[in-house]
Amino acid sequence: MYKAKVNNVSQFDVDLLSDLNQLDILHLNSGNFHVIKGNKSFQVAVLKAEPETKTLILKVNGSQYTVTLQDKMDLLFEKLGIIKGKGLKINDLKAPMPGLVLDVKVGIGQQIQKGDPLLVLEAMKMENVLKAQGDGIIKSIEVKQGDAVEKGSVLIKFQ
């Protein structure tokens, strides 16, 4: 299941297997298709495809549309404040679950790399080491050792 956005305006759920089975698709040539859905006919041209961002720019019957798909992981990254693209751009680190901050492993101004441990969060009697999802610099630390945090709370902000 995917969330689809068209022109960054409309958003709806898409089940690719089920939805594609409802279409009659004829591949005409490189990037051009004739599609029939129900009793309607569409000329579709794929103008640009960006697999890393799951974005397509399509021309359908003369009108241009930008379609972006998000799967479960993309939605989770977005919820945690991580933007995926050609490289991960980290805005902030949010608590993935409620818990207790056991240790803060970084300091303000510190340069970090993907995979570096940032913080230890205890949740349900388990220690969870939250690691950097990309390179960056610590802008601020919003919690300290001993703080109780709720799911979605901002823990660390990045430049």
Protein backbone atom coordinates (compact mmCIF):
# COMPACT_ATOMS: atom_id res chain seq x y z
CA MET A 1 0.00 0.00 0.00
CA TYR A 2 1.28 3.46 -0.91
CA LYS A 3 0.19 7.02 -0.27
CA ALA A 4 0.12 8.90 -3.56
CA LYS A 5 0.36 12.68 -3.91
CA VAL A 6 -0.52 14.37 -7.18
CA ASN A 7 0.97 17.84 -7.72
CA ASN A 8 1.56 17.98 -3.92
CA VAL A 9 -2.17 18.61 -3.51
CA SER A 10 -4.40 15.53 -3.63
CA GLN A 11 -3.46 12.52 -1.56
CA PHE A 12 -4.94 9.03 -1.70
CA ASP A 13 -4.12 5.38 -0.99
CA VAL A 14 -2.87 3.20 -3.83
CA ASP A 15 -2.61 -0.59 -3.87
CA LEU A 16 -0.38 -1.02 -6.92
CA LEU A 17 -1.18 -4.69 -7.62
CA SER A 18 -4.93 -4.30 -7.28
CA ASP A 19 -5.10 -0.91 -9.02
CA LEU A 20 -2.88 -1.93 -11.95
CA ASN A 21 -5.02 -5.04 -12.54
CA GLN A 22 -7.98 -2.71 -13.22
CA LEU A 23 -6.13 -1.09 -16.14
CA ASP A 24 -5.62 -2.22 -19.72
CA ILE A 25 -2.13 -0.91 -20.57
CA LEU A 26 -0.54 -0.98 -24.03
CA HIS A 27 3.14 0.00 -24.24
CA LEU A 28 3.50 2.10 -27.41
CA ASN A 29 7.18 3.02 -27.29
CA SER A 30 9.80 4.33 -24.88
CA GLY A 31 7.87 6.04 -22.09
CA ASN A 32 4.54 6.19 -23.93
CA PHE A 33 1.46 4.15 -23.10
CA HIS A 34 -2.19 3.84 -24.04
CA VAL A 35 -4.28 3.11 -20.93
CA ILE A 36 -7.92 2.13 -20.66
CA LYS A 37 -9.74 2.23 -17.33
CA GLY A 38 -13.40 1.36 -17.45
CA ASN A 39 -14.67 3.02 -20.63
CA LYS A 40 -12.12 5.84 -20.62
CA SER A 41 -8.99 6.02 -22.76
CA PHE A 42 -5.79 7.84 -21.75
CA GLN A 43 -2.56 8.70 -23.54
CA VAL A 44 0.21 8.59 -20.91
CA ALA A 45 3.81 9.71 -21.37
CA VAL A 46 6.40 9.25 -18.64
CA LEU A 47 8.41 12.49 -18.86
CA LYS A 48 10.68 11.83 -15.91
CA ALA A 49 11.12 9.05 -13.34
CA GLU A 50 13.13 9.51 -10.11
CA PRO A 51 13.31 6.11 -8.38
CA GLU A 52 15.19 7.43 -5.32
CA THR A 53 12.30 9.77 -4.45
CA LYS A 54 9.57 7.57 -6.00
CA THR A 55 8.47 10.50 -8.16
CA LEU A 56 7.06 10.43 -11.68
CA ILE A 57 6.27 13.33 -13.97
CA LEU A 58 3.50 12.19 -16.29
CA LYS A 59 1.67 13.75 -19.19
CA VAL A 60 -1.88 12.38 -19.31
CA ASN A 61 -4.01 13.42 -22.29
CA GLY A 62 -1.95 16.63 -22.60
CA SER A 63 -1.97 17.63 -18.91
CA GLN A 64 1.18 17.31 -16.79
CA TYR A 65 1.13 15.73 -13.31
CA THR A 66 3.80 15.09 -10.68
CA VAL A 67 3.05 11.89 -8.78
CA THR A 68 4.95 10.98 -5.60
CA LEU A 69 4.53 7.64 -3.85
CA GLN A 70 5.32 6.95 -0.19
CA ASP A 71 5.47 3.49 1.35
CA LYS A 72 5.37 2.58 5.06
CA MET A 73 9.05 3.38 5.59
CA ASP A 74 8.83 6.75 3.79
CA LEU A 75 5.91 7.74 6.03
CA LEU A 76 7.85 6.65 9.13
CA PHE A 77 10.94 8.65 8.05
CA GLU A 78 8.72 11.70 7.47
CA LYS A 79 7.07 11.27 10.89
CA LEU A 80 10.51 11.06 12.56
CA GLY A 81 11.62 14.26 10.80
CA ILE A 82 13.96 12.59 8.33
CA ILE A 83 13.76 13.58 4.68
CA LYS A 84 14.86 10.94 2.19
CA GLY A 85 16.23 11.91 -1.17
CA LYS A 86 19.51 11.81 -2.96
CA GLY A 87 21.05 11.81 0.51
CA LEU A 88 19.33 11.83 3.83
CA LYS A 89 18.79 15.32 5.19
CA ILE A 90 18.14 15.19 8.88
CA ASN A 91 16.12 18.01 10.44
CA ASP A 92 15.68 16.52 13.87
CA LEU A 93 15.53 13.25 15.76
CA LYS A 94 12.16 12.39 17.28
CA ALA A 95 11.42 9.72 19.85
CA PRO A 96 10.13 6.62 18.02
CA MET A 97 8.40 5.50 21.25
CA PRO A 98 7.79 6.80 24.76
CA GLY A 99 10.70 6.17 27.11
CA LEU A 100 13.41 7.41 29.44
CA VAL A 101 16.62 9.07 28.20
CA LEU A 102 19.47 7.02 29.67
CA ASP A 103 22.38 8.70 27.90
CA VAL A 104 23.11 11.46 25.39
CA LYS A 105 26.14 10.44 23.31
CA VAL A 106 26.69 13.72 21.40
CA GLY A 107 27.26 17.41 22.06
CA ILE A 108 26.15 20.67 20.44
CA GLY A 109 28.24 21.51 17.38
CA GLN A 110 29.47 17.94 17.00
CA GLN A 111 29.86 16.60 13.46
CA ILE A 112 28.10 13.25 13.06
CA GLN A 113 28.08 10.58 10.40
CA LYS A 114 25.47 8.04 9.40
CA GLY A 115 25.38 5.24 11.98
CA ASP A 116 26.89 7.23 14.87
CA PRO A 117 25.11 6.60 18.20
CA LEU A 118 23.23 9.73 19.30
CA LEU A 119 21.17 8.80 22.31
CA VAL A 120 20.13 5.80 24.44
CA LEU A 121 16.40 5.54 25.11
CA GLU A 122 14.94 2.99 27.53
CA ALA A 123 11.51 1.73 26.54
CA MET A 124 9.74 -1.29 28.00
CA LYS A 125 12.88 -2.23 29.97
CA MET A 126 14.98 -2.36 26.78
CA GLU A 127 17.84 -0.01 25.91
CA ASN A 128 17.51 1.39 22.39
CA VAL A 129 20.48 3.16 20.81
CA LEU A 130 19.18 5.79 18.38
CA LYS A 131 21.69 6.26 15.57
CA ALA A 132 22.24 8.98 12.98
CA GLN A 133 20.42 8.32 9.72
CA GLY A 134 22.78 10.60 7.78
CA ASP A 135 25.64 13.07 8.14
CA GLY A 136 25.15 16.38 9.90
CA ILE A 137 26.00 18.73 12.77
CA ILE A 138 24.21 18.83 16.14
CA LYS A 139 22.34 22.16 16.44
CA SER A 140 20.69 21.59 19.82
CA ILE A 141 19.90 18.83 22.28
CA GLU A 142 16.34 19.12 23.56
CA VAL A 143 16.61 16.48 26.34
CA LYS A 144 18.98 15.45 29.09
CA GLN A 145 19.75 12.20 30.90
CA GLY A 146 16.80 11.15 33.06
CA ASP A 147 14.11 12.92 30.98
CA ALA A 148 10.93 11.00 30.21
CA VAL A 149 9.82 11.55 26.60
CA GLU A 150 6.65 10.87 24.66
CA LYS A 151 6.51 9.31 21.19
CA GLY A 152 7.24 12.00 18.59
CA SER A 153 9.05 14.34 21.01
CA VAL A 154 11.99 16.17 19.43
CA LEU A 155 15.19 14.89 21.04
CA ILE A 156 17.95 16.45 18.94
CA LYS A 157 17.93 19.16 16.22
CA PHE A 158 20.44 19.21 13.37
CA GLN A 159 21.88 22.05 11.26
